[in-house]
Amino acid sequence: MKCPAFVTAIVLPLALASALRAAEPGVGTALLDRVIQFPGSYAQVCDVMTSTSDLPYRAYQLSGFAGASFSKVNLATMQANRAEMVKAIRARLLEIDLVRKAEETKKDPAPEESYDGDDVGCDPKVLNPLLLDAILTLQATEALPELLALEAKLVAGIAKAKNDAKAAPPMVAGWWVGEEGREYDENEPEAKRDRRVQLFQSRVAQRDLVILIGKLLREKKYEPYLATALEKAYVKGIRKEAQALGIADYKPGKPLPKDKEHLELTLDPVSKVPVDAYTSIAIPYSRESRDEVRAAAEKWIKEKKG
């Protein structure tokens, strides 16, 4: 049962004040662990996300963690302790063991919001979507060196597992993307199925890492990144969609036709093309496009050091 608006207005500031007091300087690691284990906001997942076996990029959206997201209190606490959080995130990205299996997490004892969700987060010591969401929330471009290192490590692990049937796929947690066109085979051995699914999810995670790196640079309007093939394909995609939806002439503040009122339209800050908040553009993955994104990030890092 939801609280009345006036009750929520009182409870939220009190909870926020308590959270901010708890997150004193020097507790970045504890705070990072807490918000990933108990993100605070949960909703039932009605539609399972699916993808073709070649796993195109979904620009510029991350896959998300099974209906869980950071609550208002957690978001405010993270921002208030940004420096400590970023320091902890950078260390965590280097510590992640892609062989370690995720531990089961406990149910959130005091969720801020729960709409028929499972009220659980993720093991904070494994690679998971909530960790990537935290990086994006904090616009943590400082973590680009560690993101590049982890993405390279993940690619190497995927390649090894694909080339060696005895090698275990990289362990990631929280990515639940179904493979389109694959029929359930009741005769498939469980171990073989688990390995196949884990390899698929690790490839989903790798795509999300590349998209995260690109999104961080895009939101800084970094010119070397805006010249990449991935960015150009995205702008081409949203232009095409704007035409198809009949929103190409949309202007902020302009009333929408009744059949468009369900859209959450904004102007893309880079291209100024009208785009819906929930739009994702499927762009074919290639090693060349991945390397181009990495090169832009490496250039950014070099410039910031200079």
C-alpha atoms as a PDB file:
ATOM      1  CA  MET A   1       0.000   0.000   0.000  1.00  0.00           C
ATOM      2  CA  LYS A   2       1.428   3.371  -0.994  1.00  0.00           C
ATOM      3  CA  CYS A   3       1.686   6.196   1.551  1.00  0.00           C
ATOM      4  CA  PRO A   4      -0.329   9.368   1.008  1.00  0.00           C
ATOM      5  CA  ALA A   5       1.709  12.115  -0.618  1.00  0.00           C
ATOM      6  CA  PHE A   6       1.896  14.239   2.529  1.00  0.00           C
ATOM      7  CA  VAL A   7       3.186  11.287   4.593  1.00  0.00           C
ATOM      8  CA  THR A   8       5.802  10.454   1.967  1.00  0.00           C
ATOM      9  CA  ALA A   9       6.928  14.099   1.947  1.00  0.00           C
ATOM     10  CA  ILE A  10       7.659  13.876   5.676  1.00  0.00           C
ATOM     11  CA  VAL A  11       9.216  10.398   5.749  1.00  0.00           C
ATOM     12  CA  LEU A  12      11.583  10.884   2.802  1.00  0.00           C
ATOM     13  CA  PRO A  13      13.528  13.899   4.179  1.00  0.00           C
ATOM     14  CA  LEU A  14      13.911  12.120   7.533  1.00  0.00           C
ATOM     15  CA  ALA A  15      15.225   8.990   5.829  1.00  0.00           C
ATOM     16  CA  LEU A  16      17.523  11.083   3.666  1.00  0.00           C
ATOM     17  CA  ALA A  17      18.955  12.924   6.648  1.00  0.00           C
ATOM     18  CA  SER A  18      19.612   9.618   8.401  1.00  0.00           C
ATOM     19  CA  ALA A  19      21.316   8.162   5.325  1.00  0.00           C
ATOM     20  CA  LEU A  20      23.524  11.189   4.865  1.00  0.00           C
ATOM     21  CA  ARG A  21      24.608  11.090   8.502  1.00  0.00           C
ATOM     22  CA  ALA A  22      25.515   7.417   8.125  1.00  0.00           C
ATOM     23  CA  ALA A  23      27.677   8.056   5.064  1.00  0.00           C
ATOM     24  CA  GLU A  24      30.591   9.958   6.558  1.00  0.00           C
ATOM     25  CA  PRO A  25      33.885  10.440   4.667  1.00  0.00           C
ATOM     26  CA  GLY A  26      35.970   7.280   4.403  1.00  0.00           C
ATOM     27  CA  VAL A  27      33.087   4.860   4.084  1.00  0.00           C
ATOM     28  CA  GLY A  28      32.896   4.763   0.284  1.00  0.00           C
ATOM     29  CA  THR A  29      33.389   0.996   0.107  1.00  0.00           C
ATOM     30  CA  ALA A  30      30.721   0.296   2.726  1.00  0.00           C
ATOM     31  CA  LEU A  31      28.332   2.681   0.997  1.00  0.00           C
ATOM     32  CA  LEU A  32      28.990   1.099  -2.404  1.00  0.00           C
ATOM     33  CA  ASP A  33      28.334  -2.363  -0.983  1.00  0.00           C
ATOM     34  CA  ARG A  34      25.161  -1.203   0.718  1.00  0.00           C
ATOM     35  CA  VAL A  35      23.508   0.470  -2.263  1.00  0.00           C
ATOM     36  CA  ILE A  36      24.222  -2.521  -4.513  1.00  0.00           C
ATOM     37  CA  GLN A  37      22.965  -5.052  -1.956  1.00  0.00           C
ATOM     38  CA  PHE A  38      19.943  -2.892  -1.088  1.00  0.00           C
ATOM     39  CA  PRO A  39      19.306  -0.411  -3.938  1.00  0.00           C
ATOM     40  CA  GLY A  40      16.036   0.605  -2.305  1.00  0.00           C
ATOM     41  CA  SER A  41      13.535   0.713  -5.159  1.00  0.00           C
ATOM     42  CA  TYR A  42      11.987  -2.430  -6.634  1.00  0.00           C
ATOM     43  CA  ALA A  43       9.387  -3.193  -9.277  1.00  0.00           C
ATOM     44  CA  GLN A  44       8.008  -6.346 -10.803  1.00  0.00           C
ATOM     45  CA  VAL A  45       9.550  -7.278 -14.147  1.00  0.00           C
ATOM     46  CA  CYS A  46       6.696  -7.974 -16.565  1.00  0.00           C
ATOM     47  CA  ASP A  47       8.652  -8.329 -19.803  1.00  0.00           C
ATOM     48  CA  VAL A  48      11.837 -10.333 -20.146  1.00  0.00           C
ATOM     49  CA  MET A  49      14.411  -8.505 -22.230  1.00  0.00           C
ATOM     50  CA  THR A  50      15.581 -10.493 -25.221  1.00  0.00           C
ATOM     51  CA  SER A  51      18.278 -10.141 -27.845  1.00  0.00           C
ATOM     52  CA  THR A  52      19.462 -11.865 -30.968  1.00  0.00           C
ATOM     53  CA  SER A  53      22.466 -14.144 -30.617  1.00  0.00           C
ATOM     54  CA  ASP A  54      24.825 -11.578 -32.179  1.00  0.00           C
ATOM     55  CA  LEU A  55      23.975  -9.154 -29.346  1.00  0.00           C
ATOM     56  CA  PRO A  56      23.886  -5.684 -30.932  1.00  0.00           C
ATOM     57  CA  TYR A  57      24.573  -2.606 -28.827  1.00  0.00           C
ATOM     58  CA  ARG A  58      21.523  -0.994 -27.210  1.00  0.00           C
ATOM     59  CA  ALA A  59      22.478   2.644 -27.515  1.00  0.00           C
ATOM     60  CA  TYR A  60      22.476   4.364 -25.128  1.00  0.00           C
ATOM     61  CA  GLN A  61      20.785   2.233 -22.490  1.00  0.00           C
ATOM     62  CA  LEU A  62      22.168  -0.220 -19.972  1.00  0.00           C
ATOM     63  CA  SER A  63      20.298  -3.451 -19.424  1.00  0.00           C
ATOM     64  CA  GLY A  64      19.294  -2.792 -15.808  1.00  0.00           C
ATOM     65  CA  PHE A  65      19.014  -5.154 -12.870  1.00  0.00           C
ATOM     66  CA  ALA A  66      15.729  -7.108 -12.838  1.00  0.00           C
ATOM     67  CA  GLY A  67      13.484  -4.242 -11.747  1.00  0.00           C
ATOM     68  CA  ALA A  68      15.760  -2.909  -9.003  1.00  0.00           C
ATOM     69  CA  SER A  69      17.053   0.657  -9.032  1.00  0.00           C
ATOM     70  CA  PHE A  70      18.487   3.196  -6.622  1.00  0.00           C
ATOM     71  CA  SER A  71      15.974   4.887  -4.362  1.00  0.00           C
ATOM     72  CA  LYS A  72      15.824   8.652  -3.901  1.00  0.00           C
ATOM     73  CA  VAL A  73      17.592   8.354  -0.564  1.00  0.00           C
ATOM     74  CA  ASN A  74      20.374   6.213  -2.001  1.00  0.00           C
ATOM     75  CA  LEU A  75      20.805   8.488  -5.026  1.00  0.00           C
ATOM     76  CA  ALA A  76      21.113  11.545  -2.790  1.00  0.00           C
ATOM     77  CA  THR A  77      23.532   9.763  -0.456  1.00  0.00           C
ATOM     78  CA  MET A  78      25.711   8.648  -3.364  1.00  0.00           C
ATOM     79  CA  GLN A  79      25.873  12.170  -4.768  1.00  0.00           C
ATOM     80  CA  ALA A  80      26.615  13.667  -1.350  1.00  0.00           C
ATOM     81  CA  ASN A  81      29.558  11.278  -0.995  1.00  0.00           C
ATOM     82  CA  ARG A  82      30.664  11.287  -4.615  1.00  0.00           C
ATOM     83  CA  ALA A  83      34.423  11.472  -4.035  1.00  0.00           C
ATOM     84  CA  GLU A  84      34.415   8.515  -1.630  1.00  0.00           C
ATOM     85  CA  MET A  85      32.080   6.549  -3.873  1.00  0.00           C
ATOM     86  CA  VAL A  86      34.197   7.083  -6.999  1.00  0.00           C
ATOM     87  CA  LYS A  87      37.332   6.043  -5.124  1.00  0.00           C
ATOM     88  CA  ALA A  88      35.586   2.852  -3.976  1.00  0.00           C
ATOM     89  CA  ILE A  89      34.219   2.149  -7.470  1.00  0.00           C
ATOM     90  CA  ARG A  90      37.649   2.471  -9.067  1.00  0.00           C
ATOM     91  CA  ALA A  91      39.123   0.033  -6.563  1.00  0.00           C
ATOM     92  CA  ARG A  92      36.201  -2.374  -6.988  1.00  0.00           C
ATOM     93  CA  LEU A  93      36.514  -2.479 -10.786  1.00  0.00           C
ATOM     94  CA  LEU A  94      40.102  -3.699 -10.420  1.00  0.00           C
ATOM     95  CA  GLU A  95      39.209  -6.177  -7.660  1.00  0.00           C
ATOM     96  CA  ILE A  96      36.404  -7.933  -9.515  1.00  0.00           C
ATOM     97  CA  ASP A  97      37.140 -11.625  -9.952  1.00  0.00           C
ATOM     98  CA  LEU A  98      35.438 -12.930 -13.093  1.00  0.00           C
ATOM     99  CA  VAL A  99      35.805 -16.492 -11.795  1.00  0.00           C
ATOM    100  CA  ARG A 100      33.978 -15.929  -8.500  1.00  0.00           C
ATOM    101  CA  LYS A 101      30.325 -16.944  -8.453  1.00  0.00           C
ATOM    102  CA  ALA A 102      27.903 -14.377  -7.052  1.00  0.00           C
ATOM    103  CA  GLU A 103      26.560 -14.990  -3.580  1.00  0.00           C
ATOM    104  CA  GLU A 104      22.818 -14.850  -2.960  1.00  0.00           C
ATOM    105  CA  THR A 105      21.782 -11.564  -1.377  1.00  0.00           C
ATOM    106  CA  LYS A 106      19.299 -10.982   1.431  1.00  0.00           C
ATOM    107  CA  LYS A 107      15.908  -9.365   1.032  1.00  0.00           C
ATOM    108  CA  ASP A 108      15.952  -5.602   1.615  1.00  0.00           C
ATOM    109  CA  PRO A 109      14.678  -5.137   5.209  1.00  0.00           C
ATOM    110  CA  ALA A 110      13.404  -1.598   4.581  1.00  0.00           C
ATOM    111  CA  PRO A 111      12.771  -0.823   0.898  1.00  0.00           C
ATOM    112  CA  GLU A 112      11.910   2.778   0.106  1.00  0.00           C
ATOM    113  CA  GLU A 113       9.708   1.732  -2.819  1.00  0.00           C
ATOM    114  CA  SER A 114       8.410  -1.723  -3.715  1.00  0.00           C
ATOM    115  CA  TYR A 115       5.916  -2.410  -6.461  1.00  0.00           C
ATOM    116  CA  ASP A 116       5.553  -6.203  -6.379  1.00  0.00           C
ATOM    117  CA  GLY A 117       9.307  -6.556  -6.844  1.00  0.00           C
ATOM    118  CA  ASP A 118      11.641  -9.101  -5.273  1.00  0.00           C
ATOM    119  CA  ASP A 119      13.278  -6.494  -2.993  1.00  0.00           C
ATOM    120  CA  VAL A 120      16.789  -7.847  -3.605  1.00  0.00           C
ATOM    121  CA  GLY A 121      19.946  -6.338  -5.018  1.00  0.00           C
ATOM    122  CA  CYS A 122      23.167  -8.046  -6.035  1.00  0.00           C
ATOM    123  CA  ASP A 123      26.435  -9.336  -4.660  1.00  0.00           C
ATOM    124  CA  PRO A 124      28.548  -6.144  -4.751  1.00  0.00           C
ATOM    125  CA  LYS A 125      31.796  -8.061  -5.305  1.00  0.00           C
ATOM    126  CA  VAL A 126      30.861  -9.308  -8.792  1.00  0.00           C
ATOM    127  CA  LEU A 127      30.326  -7.425 -12.037  1.00  0.00           C
ATOM    128  CA  ASN A 128      26.664  -6.388 -12.062  1.00  0.00           C
ATOM    129  CA  PRO A 129      24.393  -3.774 -13.705  1.00  0.00           C
ATOM    130  CA  LEU A 130      23.894  -1.814 -10.468  1.00  0.00           C
ATOM    131  CA  LEU A 131      27.626  -1.112 -10.313  1.00  0.00           C
ATOM    132  CA  LEU A 132      27.495   0.271 -13.862  1.00  0.00           C
ATOM    133  CA  ASP A 133      24.412   2.284 -12.964  1.00  0.00           C
ATOM    134  CA  ALA A 134      26.278   3.807 -10.007  1.00  0.00           C
ATOM    135  CA  ILE A 135      29.114   4.873 -12.326  1.00  0.00           C
ATOM    136  CA  LEU A 136      26.643   6.474 -14.713  1.00  0.00           C
ATOM    137  CA  THR A 137      24.716   8.144 -11.889  1.00  0.00           C
ATOM    138  CA  LEU A 138      27.912   9.749 -10.604  1.00  0.00           C
ATOM    139  CA  GLN A 139      29.201  10.559 -14.117  1.00  0.00           C
ATOM    140  CA  ALA A 140      32.421   8.933 -12.934  1.00  0.00           C
ATOM    141  CA  THR A 141      34.706   9.548 -15.904  1.00  0.00           C
ATOM    142  CA  GLU A 142      37.540   9.166 -13.391  1.00  0.00           C
ATOM    143  CA  ALA A 143      36.847   5.415 -13.549  1.00  0.00           C
ATOM    144  CA  LEU A 144      37.489   5.149 -17.305  1.00  0.00           C
ATOM    145  CA  PRO A 145      40.968   3.561 -16.867  1.00  0.00           C
ATOM    146  CA  GLU A 146      39.504   0.841 -14.648  1.00  0.00           C
ATOM    147  CA  LEU A 147      36.516   0.329 -16.941  1.00  0.00           C
ATOM    148  CA  LEU A 148      38.869  -0.202 -19.877  1.00  0.00           C
ATOM    149  CA  ALA A 149      40.929  -2.700 -17.889  1.00  0.00           C
ATOM    150  CA  LEU A 150      37.865  -4.653 -16.787  1.00  0.00           C
ATOM    151  CA  GLU A 151      36.316  -4.668 -20.263  1.00  0.00           C
ATOM    152  CA  ALA A 152      39.555  -6.041 -21.745  1.00  0.00           C
ATOM    153  CA  LYS A 153      39.659  -8.708 -19.029  1.00  0.00           C
ATOM    154  CA  LEU A 154      36.043  -9.647 -19.791  1.00  0.00           C
ATOM    155  CA  VAL A 155      36.700  -9.872 -23.540  1.00  0.00           C
ATOM    156  CA  ALA A 156      39.663 -12.160 -22.903  1.00  0.00           C
ATOM    157  CA  GLY A 157      37.568 -14.394 -20.661  1.00  0.00           C
ATOM    158  CA  ILE A 158      34.770 -14.605 -23.232  1.00  0.00           C
ATOM    159  CA  ALA A 159      37.232 -15.490 -25.994  1.00  0.00           C
ATOM    160  CA  LYS A 160      38.819 -18.203 -23.867  1.00  0.00           C
ATOM    161  CA  ALA A 161      35.443 -19.732 -23.025  1.00  0.00           C
ATOM    162  CA  LYS A 162      34.350 -19.671 -26.665  1.00  0.00           C
ATOM    163  CA  ASN A 163      37.554 -21.358 -27.837  1.00  0.00           C
ATOM    164  CA  ASP A 164      37.922 -23.874 -25.020  1.00  0.00           C
ATOM    165  CA  ALA A 165      34.872 -25.932 -24.060  1.00  0.00           C
ATOM    166  CA  LYS A 166      36.490 -26.711 -20.702  1.00  0.00           C
ATOM    167  CA  ALA A 167      37.077 -23.058 -19.773  1.00  0.00           C
ATOM    168  CA  ALA A 168      34.425 -21.500 -17.542  1.00  0.00           C
ATOM    169  CA  PRO A 169      32.721 -18.355 -18.900  1.00  0.00           C
ATOM    170  CA  PRO A 170      33.320 -15.099 -17.006  1.00  0.00           C
ATOM    171  CA  MET A 171      31.034 -14.784 -13.999  1.00  0.00           C
ATOM    172  CA  VAL A 172      28.695 -11.801 -14.034  1.00  0.00           C
ATOM    173  CA  ALA A 173      25.434 -11.354 -12.149  1.00  0.00           C
ATOM    174  CA  GLY A 174      22.183  -9.504 -12.658  1.00  0.00           C
ATOM    175  CA  TRP A 175      22.019  -9.592 -16.426  1.00  0.00           C
ATOM    176  CA  TRP A 176      18.853 -11.472 -17.440  1.00  0.00           C
ATOM    177  CA  VAL A 177      18.587 -11.247 -21.221  1.00  0.00           C
ATOM    178  CA  GLY A 178      16.932 -14.070 -23.121  1.00  0.00           C
ATOM    179  CA  GLU A 179      18.349 -15.319 -26.396  1.00  0.00           C
ATOM    180  CA  GLU A 180      15.828 -14.876 -29.195  1.00  0.00           C
ATOM    181  CA  GLY A 181      14.997 -17.886 -31.336  1.00  0.00           C
ATOM    182  CA  ARG A 182      16.390 -20.480 -28.952  1.00  0.00           C
ATOM    183  CA  GLU A 183      13.948 -23.238 -28.137  1.00  0.00           C
ATOM    184  CA  TYR A 184      14.073 -24.933 -24.773  1.00  0.00           C
ATOM    185  CA  ASP A 185      15.709 -28.337 -25.086  1.00  0.00           C
ATOM    186  CA  GLU A 186      14.672 -30.626 -22.243  1.00  0.00           C
ATOM    187  CA  ASN A 187      17.440 -33.045 -23.218  1.00  0.00           C
ATOM    188  CA  GLU A 188      20.206 -30.467 -22.889  1.00  0.00           C
ATOM    189  CA  PRO A 189      22.382 -31.298 -19.875  1.00  0.00           C
ATOM    190  CA  GLU A 190      21.955 -28.760 -17.074  1.00  0.00           C
ATOM    191  CA  ALA A 191      25.689 -28.027 -16.861  1.00  0.00           C
ATOM    192  CA  LYS A 192      25.823 -27.336 -20.600  1.00  0.00           C
ATOM    193  CA  ARG A 193      22.773 -25.056 -20.383  1.00  0.00           C
ATOM    194  CA  ASP A 194      24.187 -23.127 -17.423  1.00  0.00           C
ATOM    195  CA  ARG A 195      27.479 -22.621 -19.245  1.00  0.00           C
ATOM    196  CA  ARG A 196      25.760 -21.433 -22.404  1.00  0.00           C
ATOM    197  CA  VAL A 197      23.525 -18.990 -20.523  1.00  0.00           C
ATOM    198  CA  GLN A 198      26.434 -17.631 -18.467  1.00  0.00           C
ATOM    199  CA  LEU A 199      28.490 -17.047 -21.607  1.00  0.00           C
ATOM    200  CA  PHE A 200      25.573 -15.214 -23.216  1.00  0.00           C
ATOM    201  CA  GLN A 201      25.070 -12.994 -20.147  1.00  0.00           C
ATOM    202  CA  SER A 202      28.793 -12.192 -19.989  1.00  0.00           C
ATOM    203  CA  ARG A 203      28.584 -11.000 -23.593  1.00  0.00           C
ATOM    204  CA  VAL A 204      25.591  -8.817 -22.649  1.00  0.00           C
ATOM    205  CA  ALA A 205      27.681  -7.364 -19.812  1.00  0.00           C
ATOM    206  CA  GLN A 206      30.544  -6.635 -22.199  1.00  0.00           C
ATOM    207  CA  ARG A 207      28.233  -4.706 -24.547  1.00  0.00           C
ATOM    208  CA  ASP A 208      26.961  -2.712 -21.578  1.00  0.00           C
ATOM    209  CA  LEU A 209      30.508  -1.849 -20.527  1.00  0.00           C
ATOM    210  CA  VAL A 210      31.246  -0.452 -23.993  1.00  0.00           C
ATOM    211  CA  ILE A 211      27.962   1.496 -24.009  1.00  0.00           C
ATOM    212  CA  LEU A 212      28.702   2.864 -20.531  1.00  0.00           C
ATOM    213  CA  ILE A 213      32.135   4.086 -21.615  1.00  0.00           C
ATOM    214  CA  GLY A 214      30.592   5.683 -24.699  1.00  0.00           C
ATOM    215  CA  LYS A 215      27.742   7.265 -22.745  1.00  0.00           C
ATOM    216  CA  LEU A 216      30.125   8.831 -20.219  1.00  0.00           C
ATOM    217  CA  LEU A 217      32.099  10.444 -23.032  1.00  0.00           C
ATOM    218  CA  ARG A 218      28.975  11.412 -24.965  1.00  0.00           C
ATOM    219  CA  GLU A 219      27.489  13.234 -22.010  1.00  0.00           C
ATOM    220  CA  LYS A 220      30.707  15.269 -21.859  1.00  0.00           C
ATOM    221  CA  LYS A 221      30.238  16.007 -25.589  1.00  0.00           C
ATOM    222  CA  TYR A 222      33.779  14.743 -26.136  1.00  0.00           C
ATOM    223  CA  GLU A 223      34.548  15.377 -29.818  1.00  0.00           C
ATOM    224  CA  PRO A 224      36.771  12.317 -30.477  1.00  0.00           C
ATOM    225  CA  TYR A 225      33.953  10.136 -29.213  1.00  0.00           C
ATOM    226  CA  LEU A 226      31.271  11.972 -31.203  1.00  0.00           C
ATOM    227  CA  ALA A 227      33.235  11.077 -34.351  1.00  0.00           C
ATOM    228  CA  THR A 228      32.936   7.314 -33.711  1.00  0.00           C
ATOM    229  CA  ALA A 229      30.884   4.994 -35.906  1.00  0.00           C
ATOM    230  CA  LEU A 230      28.778   3.990 -32.892  1.00  0.00           C
ATOM    231  CA  GLU A 231      27.732   7.578 -32.210  1.00  0.00           C
ATOM    232  CA  LYS A 232      27.010   8.270 -35.880  1.00  0.00           C
ATOM    233  CA  ALA A 233      24.863   5.120 -36.094  1.00  0.00           C
ATOM    234  CA  TYR A 234      22.933   6.231 -33.006  1.00  0.00           C
ATOM    235  CA  VAL A 235      22.132   9.675 -34.390  1.00  0.00           C
ATOM    236  CA  LYS A 236      21.105   8.126 -37.694  1.00  0.00           C
ATOM    237  CA  GLY A 237      18.858   5.734 -35.768  1.00  0.00           C
ATOM    238  CA  ILE A 238      17.073   8.378 -33.696  1.00  0.00           C
ATOM    239  CA  ARG A 239      16.555  10.564 -36.790  1.00  0.00           C
ATOM    240  CA  LYS A 240      14.900   7.618 -38.524  1.00  0.00           C
ATOM    241  CA  GLU A 241      12.752   6.859 -35.476  1.00  0.00           C
ATOM    242  CA  ALA A 242      11.715  10.494 -35.097  1.00  0.00           C
ATOM    243  CA  GLN A 243      10.467  10.452 -38.676  1.00  0.00           C
ATOM    244  CA  ALA A 244       8.637   7.152 -38.148  1.00  0.00           C
ATOM    245  CA  LEU A 245       6.945   8.421 -34.979  1.00  0.00           C
ATOM    246  CA  GLY A 246       6.035  11.735 -36.553  1.00  0.00           C
ATOM    247  CA  ILE A 247       7.945  13.730 -33.929  1.00  0.00           C
ATOM    248  CA  ALA A 248      10.729  15.170 -36.086  1.00  0.00           C
ATOM    249  CA  ASP A 249       9.263  18.679 -35.685  1.00  0.00           C
ATOM    250  CA  TYR A 250       8.816  18.453 -31.919  1.00  0.00           C
ATOM    251  CA  LYS A 251       9.822  21.525 -29.925  1.00  0.00           C
ATOM    252  CA  PRO A 252      10.117  21.636 -26.108  1.00  0.00           C
ATOM    253  CA  GLY A 253       6.923  23.001 -24.586  1.00  0.00           C
ATOM    254  CA  LYS A 254       4.928  22.359 -27.722  1.00  0.00           C
ATOM    255  CA  PRO A 255       1.722  20.380 -26.991  1.00  0.00           C
ATOM    256  CA  LEU A 256       1.748  16.831 -28.329  1.00  0.00           C
ATOM    257  CA  PRO A 257      -1.031  15.232 -30.376  1.00  0.00           C
ATOM    258  CA  LYS A 258      -3.182  12.854 -28.306  1.00  0.00           C
ATOM    259  CA  ASP A 259      -1.635   9.785 -29.914  1.00  0.00           C
ATOM    260  CA  LYS A 260       1.838  10.989 -28.816  1.00  0.00           C
ATOM    261  CA  GLU A 261       1.030  12.030 -25.239  1.00  0.00           C
ATOM    262  CA  HIS A 262       2.402   8.747 -23.861  1.00  0.00           C
ATOM    263  CA  LEU A 263       5.893   9.640 -25.104  1.00  0.00           C
ATOM    264  CA  GLU A 264       8.458  11.314 -22.834  1.00  0.00           C
ATOM    265  CA  LEU A 265      10.106  13.524 -25.404  1.00  0.00           C
ATOM    266  CA  THR A 266      13.252  15.564 -25.080  1.00  0.00           C
ATOM    267  CA  LEU A 267      15.797  16.913 -27.520  1.00  0.00           C
ATOM    268  CA  ASP A 268      18.915  14.775 -27.671  1.00  0.00           C
ATOM    269  CA  PRO A 269      21.559  17.081 -26.140  1.00  0.00           C
ATOM    270  CA  VAL A 270      24.147  16.242 -28.800  1.00  0.00           C
ATOM    271  CA  SER A 271      22.214  16.051 -32.075  1.00  0.00           C
ATOM    272  CA  LYS A 272      19.119  18.066 -30.999  1.00  0.00           C
ATOM    273  CA  VAL A 273      16.945  15.356 -32.530  1.00  0.00           C
ATOM    274  CA  PRO A 274      13.637  14.673 -30.680  1.00  0.00           C
ATOM    275  CA  VAL A 275      13.886  11.369 -28.830  1.00  0.00           C
ATOM    276  CA  ASP A 276      11.718   9.404 -26.409  1.00  0.00           C
ATOM    277  CA  ALA A 277      13.209   8.745 -22.962  1.00  0.00           C
ATOM    278  CA  TYR A 278      12.885   4.979 -23.416  1.00  0.00           C
ATOM    279  CA  THR A 279      14.359   4.783 -26.896  1.00  0.00           C
ATOM    280  CA  SER A 280      17.204   2.396 -27.521  1.00  0.00           C
ATOM    281  CA  ILE A 281      18.760   1.975 -30.938  1.00  0.00           C
ATOM    282  CA  ALA A 282      20.046  -1.456 -31.921  1.00  0.00           C
ATOM    283  CA  ILE A 283      23.453  -1.120 -33.567  1.00  0.00           C
ATOM    284  CA  PRO A 284      25.427  -4.139 -34.817  1.00  0.00           C
ATOM    285  CA  TYR A 285      28.374  -4.981 -32.599  1.00  0.00           C
ATOM    286  CA  SER A 286      31.837  -5.209 -34.100  1.00  0.00           C
ATOM    287  CA  ARG A 287      35.320  -5.423 -32.678  1.00  0.00           C
ATOM    288  CA  GLU A 288      36.203  -2.342 -34.751  1.00  0.00           C
ATOM    289  CA  SER A 289      33.478  -0.232 -33.143  1.00  0.00           C
ATOM    290  CA  ARG A 290      34.470  -1.478 -29.700  1.00  0.00           C
ATOM    291  CA  ASP A 291      38.112  -0.592 -30.345  1.00  0.00           C
ATOM    292  CA  GLU A 292      37.100   2.866 -31.583  1.00  0.00           C
ATOM    293  CA  VAL A 293      35.225   3.572 -28.336  1.00  0.00           C
ATOM    294  CA  ARG A 294      38.214   2.378 -26.327  1.00  0.00           C
ATOM    295  CA  ALA A 295      40.547   4.620 -28.349  1.00  0.00           C
ATOM    296  CA  ALA A 296      38.386   7.669 -27.603  1.00  0.00           C
ATOM    297  CA  ALA A 297      38.426   6.806 -23.891  1.00  0.00           C
ATOM    298  CA  GLU A 298      42.197   6.349 -23.906  1.00  0.00           C
ATOM    299  CA  LYS A 299      42.558   9.758 -25.558  1.00  0.00           C
ATOM    300  CA  TRP A 300      40.342  11.308 -22.876  1.00  0.00           C
ATOM    301  CA  ILE A 301      42.446   9.722 -20.126  1.00  0.00           C
ATOM    302  CA  LYS A 302      45.688  10.940 -21.692  1.00  0.00           C
ATOM    303  CA  GLU A 303      44.361  14.483 -22.019  1.00  0.00           C
ATOM    304  CA  LYS A 304      43.213  14.564 -18.399  1.00  0.00           C
ATOM    305  CA  LYS A 305      46.633  13.432 -17.247  1.00  0.00           C
ATOM    306  CA  GLY A 306      48.384  16.052 -19.367  1.00  0.00           C
END
